[in-house]
C-alpha atoms as a PDB file:
ATOM      1  CA  MET A   1      -6.243  11.070  -4.298  1.00  0.00           C
ATOM      2  CA  ARG A   2      -4.569  11.511  -7.781  1.00  0.00           C
ATOM      3  CA  ARG A   3      -5.809   8.327  -9.305  1.00  0.00           C
ATOM      4  CA  LYS A   4      -9.756   9.093  -7.965  1.00  0.00           C
ATOM      5  CA  LEU A   5      -9.913  12.799  -9.037  1.00  0.00           C
ATOM      6  CA  ILE A   6      -8.083  11.261 -12.852  1.00  0.00           C
ATOM      7  CA  LEU A   7     -11.039   9.105 -12.639  1.00  0.00           C
ATOM      8  CA  ALA A   8     -13.389  11.489 -11.988  1.00  0.00           C
ATOM      9  CA  VAL A   9     -12.162  13.599 -14.963  1.00  0.00           C
ATOM     10  CA  LEU A  10     -11.910  10.176 -17.217  1.00  0.00           C
ATOM     11  CA  VAL A  11     -15.911   9.359 -16.368  1.00  0.00           C
ATOM     12  CA  LEU A  12     -16.483  13.249 -16.765  1.00  0.00           C
ATOM     13  CA  LEU A  13     -15.074  12.670 -20.254  1.00  0.00           C
ATOM     14  CA  THR A  14     -16.423   9.106 -21.526  1.00  0.00           C
ATOM     15  CA  PHE A  15     -19.970  10.430 -20.370  1.00  0.00           C
ATOM     16  CA  LEU A  16     -19.728  13.833 -23.143  1.00  0.00           C
ATOM     17  CA  LEU A  17     -17.978  11.512 -25.541  1.00  0.00           C
ATOM     18  CA  GLN A  18     -20.905   8.938 -25.535  1.00  0.00           C
ATOM     19  CA  SER A  19     -23.210  11.255 -25.294  1.00  0.00           C
ATOM     20  CA  THR A  20     -22.464  13.254 -28.184  1.00  0.00           C
ATOM     21  CA  VAL A  21     -19.992  11.887 -29.819  1.00  0.00           C
ATOM     22  CA  PHE A  22     -20.931   8.591 -30.671  1.00  0.00           C
ATOM     23  CA  LYS A  23     -24.928   9.708 -30.529  1.00  0.00           C
ATOM     24  CA  ALA A  24     -23.934  10.758 -34.036  1.00  0.00           C
ATOM     25  CA  LEU A  25     -22.312   7.769 -34.818  1.00  0.00           C
ATOM     26  CA  SER A  26     -24.923   5.617 -33.833  1.00  0.00           C
ATOM     27  CA  ILE A  27     -25.742   2.523 -35.772  1.00  0.00           C
ATOM     28  CA  ALA A  28     -29.658   2.192 -35.500  1.00  0.00           C
ATOM     29  CA  SER A  29     -29.835   4.828 -33.272  1.00  0.00           C
ATOM     30  CA  ILE A  30     -27.505   2.083 -30.575  1.00  0.00           C
ATOM     31  CA  THR A  31     -24.794   3.684 -29.615  1.00  0.00           C
ATOM     32  CA  PRO A  32     -22.051   1.534 -27.431  1.00  0.00           C
ATOM     33  CA  ASN A  33     -21.854   1.862 -23.648  1.00  0.00           C
ATOM     34  CA  LEU A  34     -18.700   3.622 -23.557  1.00  0.00           C
ATOM     35  CA  LEU A  35     -19.223   3.924 -19.512  1.00  0.00           C
ATOM     36  CA  LEU A  36     -19.922   0.862 -19.045  1.00  0.00           C
ATOM     37  CA  ILE A  37     -16.255  -0.318 -20.556  1.00  0.00           C
ATOM     38  CA  LEU A  38     -14.772   2.067 -18.430  1.00  0.00           C
ATOM     39  CA  THR A  39     -16.301   0.846 -15.318  1.00  0.00           C
ATOM     40  CA  VAL A  40     -15.390  -3.005 -16.342  1.00  0.00           C
ATOM     41  CA  SER A  41     -11.277  -2.068 -17.604  1.00  0.00           C
ATOM     42  CA  PHE A  42     -11.299  -0.109 -14.339  1.00  0.00           C
ATOM     43  CA  GLY A  43     -12.684  -2.591 -12.153  1.00  0.00           C
ATOM     44  CA  PHE A  44     -10.598  -5.289 -13.913  1.00  0.00           C
ATOM     45  CA  MET A  45      -7.461  -3.209 -13.963  1.00  0.00           C
ATOM     46  CA  CYS A  46      -7.681  -1.900 -10.464  1.00  0.00           C
ATOM     47  CA  GLY A  47     -10.047  -4.081  -8.015  1.00  0.00           C
ATOM     48  CA  LYS A  48     -13.160  -3.820  -6.481  1.00  0.00           C
ATOM     49  CA  ARG A  49     -12.980  -0.555  -5.086  1.00  0.00           C
ATOM     50  CA  ILE A  50     -12.228   1.033  -7.816  1.00  0.00           C
ATOM     51  CA  GLY A  51     -14.538  -0.857  -9.921  1.00  0.00           C
ATOM     52  CA  MET A  52     -16.801   0.384  -7.583  1.00  0.00           C
ATOM     53  CA  PHE A  53     -16.104   3.729  -7.586  1.00  0.00           C
ATOM     54  CA  THR A  54     -16.066   4.215 -10.984  1.00  0.00           C
ATOM     55  CA  GLY A  55     -19.132   2.448 -11.829  1.00  0.00           C
ATOM     56  CA  PHE A  56     -20.606   4.941  -8.784  1.00  0.00           C
ATOM     57  CA  LEU A  57     -19.656   8.014 -11.095  1.00  0.00           C
ATOM     58  CA  SER A  58     -20.109   6.515 -14.586  1.00  0.00           C
ATOM     59  CA  GLY A  59     -24.163   5.129 -13.010  1.00  0.00           C
ATOM     60  CA  LEU A  60     -24.270   8.873 -11.527  1.00  0.00           C
ATOM     61  CA  MET A  61     -24.045  10.966 -14.388  1.00  0.00           C
ATOM     62  CA  ILE A  62     -26.538   8.994 -16.520  1.00  0.00           C
ATOM     63  CA  ASP A  63     -28.880   8.651 -13.749  1.00  0.00           C
ATOM     64  CA  MET A  64     -28.386  13.169 -12.956  1.00  0.00           C
ATOM     65  CA  PHE A  65     -29.128  14.138 -17.158  1.00  0.00           C
ATOM     66  CA  TYR A  66     -31.039  10.620 -18.503  1.00  0.00           C
ATOM     67  CA  GLY A  67     -32.595   8.651 -15.536  1.00  0.00           C
ATOM     68  CA  ASN A  68     -36.207   8.132 -14.621  1.00  0.00           C
ATOM     69  CA  LEU A  69     -35.531   6.536 -11.530  1.00  0.00           C
ATOM     70  CA  PHE A  70     -32.434   8.901  -9.691  1.00  0.00           C
ATOM     71  CA  GLY A  71     -29.523   5.762  -8.299  1.00  0.00           C
ATOM     72  CA  PHE A  72     -31.010   2.935 -10.666  1.00  0.00           C
ATOM     73  CA  HIS A  73     -28.506   3.266 -13.398  1.00  0.00           C
ATOM     74  CA  ALA A  74     -25.488   4.415 -10.146  1.00  0.00           C
ATOM     75  CA  LEU A  75     -25.942   1.231  -8.356  1.00  0.00           C
ATOM     76  CA  LEU A  76     -26.216  -1.261 -10.828  1.00  0.00           C
ATOM     77  CA  TYR A  77     -22.637   0.082 -12.771  1.00  0.00           C
ATOM     78  CA  MET A  78     -21.359   0.107  -9.033  1.00  0.00           C
ATOM     79  CA  TRP A  79     -22.649  -3.610  -8.784  1.00  0.00           C
ATOM     80  CA  ILE A  80     -20.514  -4.286 -12.081  1.00  0.00           C
ATOM     81  CA  GLY A  81     -17.505  -2.469 -10.950  1.00  0.00           C
ATOM     82  CA  TYR A  82     -17.624  -4.590  -8.336  1.00  0.00           C
ATOM     83  CA  LEU A  83     -17.980  -7.834  -9.698  1.00  0.00           C
ATOM     84  CA  ASN A  84     -15.901  -6.977 -12.564  1.00  0.00           C
ATOM     85  CA  GLY A  85     -13.560  -5.955  -9.268  1.00  0.00           C
ATOM     86  CA  PHE A  86     -13.376  -9.866  -8.594  1.00  0.00           C
ATOM     87  CA  LEU A  87     -11.322 -10.924 -11.865  1.00  0.00           C
ATOM     88  CA  TYR A  88      -8.530  -8.434 -10.819  1.00  0.00           C
ATOM     89  CA  LYS A  89      -6.910 -11.192  -8.840  1.00  0.00           C
ATOM     90  CA  VAL A  90      -6.505 -12.701 -13.018  1.00  0.00           C
ATOM     91  CA  TYR A  91      -5.560  -9.801 -14.637  1.00  0.00           C
ATOM     92  CA  TYR A  92      -2.637  -9.597 -16.971  1.00  0.00           C
ATOM     93  CA  ASP A  93      -2.361  -5.734 -18.747  1.00  0.00           C
ATOM     94  CA  GLU A  94      -1.772  -7.322 -22.186  1.00  0.00           C
ATOM     95  CA  ASP A  95      -4.325  -9.640 -22.577  1.00  0.00           C
ATOM     96  CA  ILE A  96      -7.683  -8.557 -24.695  1.00  0.00           C
ATOM     97  CA  LYS A  97      -9.512 -12.025 -24.905  1.00  0.00           C
ATOM     98  CA  VAL A  98     -10.917 -11.427 -20.910  1.00  0.00           C
ATOM     99  CA  PRO A  99     -11.359  -7.646 -20.641  1.00  0.00           C
ATOM    100  CA  THR A 100     -13.695  -8.281 -24.083  1.00  0.00           C
ATOM    101  CA  MET A 101     -15.354 -11.262 -22.469  1.00  0.00           C
ATOM    102  CA  LEU A 102     -16.424  -9.171 -19.110  1.00  0.00           C
ATOM    103  CA  VAL A 103     -17.406  -6.969 -21.144  1.00  0.00           C
ATOM    104  CA  THR A 104     -19.641  -8.385 -23.134  1.00  0.00           C
ATOM    105  CA  ALA A 105     -21.126 -10.441 -19.770  1.00  0.00           C
ATOM    106  CA  SER A 106     -21.719  -7.554 -17.997  1.00  0.00           C
ATOM    107  CA  ASP A 107     -22.763  -5.747 -21.370  1.00  0.00           C
ATOM    108  CA  ALA A 108     -24.947  -9.016 -21.401  1.00  0.00           C
ATOM    109  CA  VAL A 109     -26.903  -8.490 -17.817  1.00  0.00           C
ATOM    110  CA  TYR A 110     -26.914  -4.668 -17.944  1.00  0.00           C
ATOM    111  CA  GLY A 111     -29.438  -5.455 -21.042  1.00  0.00           C
ATOM    112  CA  ILE A 112     -31.526  -7.698 -19.299  1.00  0.00           C
ATOM    113  CA  VAL A 113     -31.633  -5.790 -15.843  1.00  0.00           C
ATOM    114  CA  ILE A 114     -33.005  -2.641 -18.110  1.00  0.00           C
ATOM    115  CA  TYR A 115     -35.318  -4.819 -19.664  1.00  0.00           C
ATOM    116  CA  GLY A 116     -36.060  -6.652 -16.557  1.00  0.00           C
ATOM    117  CA  LEU A 117     -36.694  -3.779 -14.389  1.00  0.00           C
ATOM    118  CA  GLN A 118     -37.650  -1.040 -17.219  1.00  0.00           C
ATOM    119  CA  PHE A 119     -39.597  -2.598 -19.485  1.00  0.00           C
ATOM    120  CA  MET A 120     -40.829  -6.355 -18.469  1.00  0.00           C
ATOM    121  CA  LEU A 121     -42.368  -4.367 -15.025  1.00  0.00           C
ATOM    122  CA  ARG A 122     -44.452  -1.221 -17.491  1.00  0.00           C
ATOM    123  CA  GLY A 123     -45.641  -4.725 -19.470  1.00  0.00           C
ATOM    124  CA  ARG A 124     -43.539  -4.603 -22.368  1.00  0.00           C
ATOM    125  CA  LEU A 125     -43.114  -8.708 -23.077  1.00  0.00           C
ATOM    126  CA  ASN A 126     -41.452  -8.598 -26.733  1.00  0.00           C
ATOM    127  CA  PHE A 127     -38.171  -9.643 -24.643  1.00  0.00           C
ATOM    128  CA  LEU A 128     -37.046 -11.164 -27.875  1.00  0.00           C
ATOM    129  CA  GLY A 129     -36.985  -8.195 -29.882  1.00  0.00           C
ATOM    130  CA  TYR A 130     -35.879  -6.316 -27.123  1.00  0.00           C
ATOM    131  CA  LEU A 131     -32.650  -8.555 -27.656  1.00  0.00           C
ATOM    132  CA  LYS A 132     -32.582  -9.144 -31.282  1.00  0.00           C
ATOM    133  CA  GLN A 133     -33.272  -5.253 -31.997  1.00  0.00           C
ATOM    134  CA  ILE A 134     -31.554  -3.515 -28.246  1.00  0.00           C
ATOM    135  CA  ILE A 135     -29.306  -6.145 -26.385  1.00  0.00           C
ATOM    136  CA  ILE A 136     -28.040  -7.546 -28.983  1.00  0.00           C
ATOM    137  CA  PRO A 137     -26.604  -4.775 -31.173  1.00  0.00           C
ATOM    138  CA  GLU A 138     -25.138  -3.115 -28.664  1.00  0.00           C
ATOM    139  CA  ILE A 139     -23.295  -5.664 -27.097  1.00  0.00           C
ATOM    140  CA  VAL A 140     -21.253  -5.942 -30.720  1.00  0.00           C
ATOM    141  CA  TYR A 141     -21.222  -2.523 -31.053  1.00  0.00           C
ATOM    142  CA  THR A 142     -19.869  -1.868 -27.483  1.00  0.00           C
ATOM    143  CA  VAL A 143     -16.978  -5.092 -27.465  1.00  0.00           C
ATOM    144  CA  VAL A 144     -15.696  -3.030 -31.221  1.00  0.00           C
ATOM    145  CA  MET A 145     -15.353   0.229 -28.993  1.00  0.00           C
ATOM    146  CA  THR A 146     -13.933  -2.033 -26.134  1.00  0.00           C
ATOM    147  CA  LEU A 147     -10.327  -2.921 -28.669  1.00  0.00           C
ATOM    148  CA  LEU A 148     -10.321   0.613 -28.986  1.00  0.00           C
ATOM    149  CA  PHE A 149     -10.465   1.821 -25.334  1.00  0.00           C
ATOM    150  CA  TYR A 150      -9.120  -0.612 -23.347  1.00  0.00           C
ATOM    151  CA  ARG A 151      -5.817   0.192 -24.518  1.00  0.00           C
ATOM    152  CA  LEU A 152      -6.442   3.713 -23.903  1.00  0.00           C
ATOM    153  CA  TYR A 153      -7.250   2.908 -20.087  1.00  0.00           C
ATOM    154  CA  LEU A 154      -4.490   0.286 -20.313  1.00  0.00           C
ATOM    155  CA  TRP A 155      -2.000   3.112 -20.509  1.00  0.00           C
ATOM    156  CA  ILE A 156      -3.632   5.710 -18.616  1.00  0.00           C
ATOM    157  CA  ASN A 157      -3.731   2.405 -15.136  1.00  0.00           C
ATOM    158  CA  ARG A 158       0.203   2.260 -16.347  1.00  0.00           C
ATOM    159  CA  GLN A 159       1.081   6.027 -15.777  1.00  0.00           C
ATOM    160  CA  LEU A 160      -1.579   6.264 -12.493  1.00  0.00           C
ATOM    161  CA  LEU A 161       0.969   3.119 -10.864  1.00  0.00           C
ATOM    162  CA  GLU A 162       4.483   4.760 -12.283  1.00  0.00           C
ATOM    163  CA  HIS A 163       3.018   7.670 -10.625  1.00  0.00           C
ATOM    164  CA  GLU A 164       1.977   5.708  -6.899  1.00  0.00           C
ATOM    165  CA  MET A 165       5.211   3.705  -7.364  1.00  0.00           C
ATOM    166  CA  GLU A 166       7.217   6.674  -7.663  1.00  0.00           C
ATOM    167  CA  GLY A 167       5.650   8.610  -4.428  1.00  0.00           C
ATOM    168  CA  GLN A 168       6.859   4.902  -2.672  1.00  0.00           C
ATOM    169  CA  ARG A 169      10.061   5.053  -2.967  1.00  0.00           C
ATOM    170  CA  SER A 170      12.738   6.167  -0.635  1.00  0.00           C
ATOM    171  CA  PRO A 171      13.709  10.029  -0.879  1.00  0.00           C
ATOM    172  CA  TRP A 172      17.124   8.208  -0.849  1.00  0.00           C
ATOM    173  CA  LEU A 173      16.887   6.095  -3.522  1.00  0.00           C
ATOM    174  CA  ARG A 174      15.853   8.417  -5.992  1.00  0.00           C
ATOM    175  CA  ARG A 175      17.959  10.122  -9.099  1.00  0.00           C
END
């Protein structure tokens, strides 16, 4: 319960950071997708269920404030969290390469799905222009931010794990 509450607060703080501070720090009107970093990180570190929970809350925040179609981003982020949760078994906490590759792949899939379902179906068929002007710059900016935010999320996850392990110890073994 504590983990889910802290994740909900993290989603809210990350959403506020993404929609305020990083809107001001946008480069060529491209901002990093911090909620995607959060979803991928916790899906990778904690498994499918936590990845789905984090992704659903992240997508729900986007849908409530920016979405045209309610539930679209919630479903998309939930799937991203779920799919990244499959790699929980290869999780090694100090390795930054795997989360960086996961964020890169997830952001690419996210951009392609957004293009396919929100632009291409409306008759905007310039995929190469969209790829060059939006998807690739967002991937690069998001990956750079992953190098910073993943360490923070890793520390938070360690603190949560320590608290969960402390609660599982026998009362006679506590000091």
